[in-house]
C-alpha atoms as a PDB file:
ATOM      1  CA  MET A   1     137.646 145.457 155.840  1.00  0.00           C
ATOM      2  CA  VAL A   2     134.762 145.083 153.431  1.00  0.00           C
ATOM      3  CA  ASP A   3     132.722 147.925 154.947  1.00  0.00           C
ATOM      4  CA  ARG A   4     135.612 150.252 154.973  1.00  0.00           C
ATOM      5  CA  THR A   5     136.420 149.489 151.485  1.00  0.00           C
ATOM      6  CA  ALA A   6     132.902 149.728 150.310  1.00  0.00           C
ATOM      7  CA  GLN A   7     132.617 153.199 152.017  1.00  0.00           C
ATOM      8  CA  LEU A   8     135.726 154.315 150.093  1.00  0.00           C
ATOM      9  CA  ILE A   9     134.091 153.286 146.800  1.00  0.00           C
ATOM     10  CA  VAL A  10     130.818 155.070 147.632  1.00  0.00           C
ATOM     11  CA  GLU A  11     132.760 158.192 148.492  1.00  0.00           C
ATOM     12  CA  ARG A  12     135.113 158.017 145.370  1.00  0.00           C
ATOM     13  CA  PHE A  13     132.689 156.870 142.713  1.00  0.00           C
ATOM     14  CA  LYS A  14     129.177 157.957 144.122  1.00  0.00           C
ATOM     15  CA  VAL A  15     127.657 154.541 143.662  1.00  0.00           C
ATOM     16  CA  LEU A  16     125.030 152.789 145.754  1.00  0.00           C
ATOM     17  CA  PRO A  17     126.216 151.114 148.925  1.00  0.00           C
ATOM     18  CA  ASP A  18     125.107 147.480 147.809  1.00  0.00           C
ATOM     19  CA  TYR A  19     126.793 147.986 144.518  1.00  0.00           C
ATOM     20  CA  ALA A  20     129.964 149.271 146.393  1.00  0.00           C
ATOM     21  CA  LYS A  21     129.862 146.208 148.754  1.00  0.00           C
ATOM     22  CA  ARG A  22     129.966 143.828 145.821  1.00  0.00           C
ATOM     23  CA  LEU A  23     132.863 145.756 144.236  1.00  0.00           C
ATOM     24  CA  ALA A  24     134.614 145.827 147.688  1.00  0.00           C
ATOM     25  CA  LEU A  25     134.294 141.999 147.990  1.00  0.00           C
ATOM     26  CA  GLY A  26     135.545 141.544 144.472  1.00  0.00           C
ATOM     27  CA  CYS A  27     138.437 143.910 145.046  1.00  0.00           C
ATOM     28  CA  LEU A  28     139.545 142.187 148.252  1.00  0.00           C
ATOM     29  CA  ASP A  29     139.184 138.820 146.614  1.00  0.00           C
ATOM     30  CA  GLY A  30     141.180 139.853 143.686  1.00  0.00           C
ATOM     31  CA  ILE A  31     144.046 141.211 145.964  1.00  0.00           C
ATOM     32  CA  GLU A  32     144.176 137.893 147.751  1.00  0.00           C
ATOM     33  CA  SER A  33     143.839 135.882 144.605  1.00  0.00           C
ATOM     34  CA  HIS A  34     146.968 137.816 143.212  1.00  0.00           C
ATOM     35  CA  GLY A  35     148.904 137.159 146.348  1.00  0.00           C
ATOM     36  CA  GLY A  36     148.438 140.678 147.976  1.00  0.00           C
ATOM     37  CA  ASP A  37     147.532 141.393 151.710  1.00  0.00           C
ATOM     38  CA  SER A  38     143.789 142.187 151.667  1.00  0.00           C
ATOM     39  CA  THR A  39     144.190 143.875 155.121  1.00  0.00           C
ATOM     40  CA  ASP A  40     146.658 146.437 154.027  1.00  0.00           C
ATOM     41  CA  TRP A  41     144.868 149.768 153.521  1.00  0.00           C
ATOM     42  CA  GLU A  42     147.491 151.195 151.055  1.00  0.00           C
ATOM     43  CA  THR A  43     147.103 148.192 148.798  1.00  0.00           C
ATOM     44  CA  ILE A  44     143.289 148.392 149.030  1.00  0.00           C
ATOM     45  CA  ALA A  45     143.155 152.056 148.284  1.00  0.00           C
ATOM     46  CA  ASN A  46     145.469 151.665 145.258  1.00  0.00           C
ATOM     47  CA  ALA A  47     143.317 148.799 143.998  1.00  0.00           C
ATOM     48  CA  VAL A  48     140.091 150.802 144.250  1.00  0.00           C
ATOM     49  CA  GLU A  49     141.805 153.735 142.475  1.00  0.00           C
ATOM     50  CA  VAL A  50     142.902 151.416 139.589  1.00  0.00           C
ATOM     51  CA  VAL A  51     140.841 148.187 139.372  1.00  0.00           C
ATOM     52  CA  VAL A  52     137.525 149.353 140.831  1.00  0.00           C
ATOM     53  CA  ALA A  53     137.622 152.489 138.780  1.00  0.00           C
ATOM     54  CA  ARG A  54     137.833 150.347 135.533  1.00  0.00           C
ATOM     55  CA  TRP A  55     134.903 148.170 136.884  1.00  0.00           C
ATOM     56  CA  VAL A  56     132.760 151.248 137.707  1.00  0.00           C
ATOM     57  CA  LYS A  57     133.474 152.679 134.241  1.00  0.00           C
ATOM     58  CA  ASN A  58     132.697 149.535 132.404  1.00  0.00           C
ATOM     59  CA  GLY A  59     129.693 148.797 134.450  1.00  0.00           C
ATOM     60  CA  THR A  60     131.095 145.559 135.746  1.00  0.00           C
ATOM     61  CA  ASP A  61     128.949 144.068 138.496  1.00  0.00           C
ATOM     62  CA  PHE A  62     129.201 140.951 140.718  1.00  0.00           C
ATOM     63  CA  PRO A  63     126.406 138.515 141.827  1.00  0.00           C
ATOM     64  CA  LYS A  64     124.703 139.525 144.977  1.00  0.00           C
ATOM     65  CA  THR A  65     125.620 137.612 147.986  1.00  0.00           C
ATOM     66  CA  PRO A  66     123.037 136.306 150.379  1.00  0.00           C
END
């Protein structure tokens, strides 16, 4: 689901794939940490439109994963 979410982020916000993957991981983790279903595409798409949009606007980044 990470790759599909990252692809949506790249398409929606025109960001680099590496950055999109970090945002996707943060998005999916956030959904899970708030008790949501991180495999439900509608939930993911909604989180991308609201939460990830804010992160991109604010320049939020997450640590690179190995």
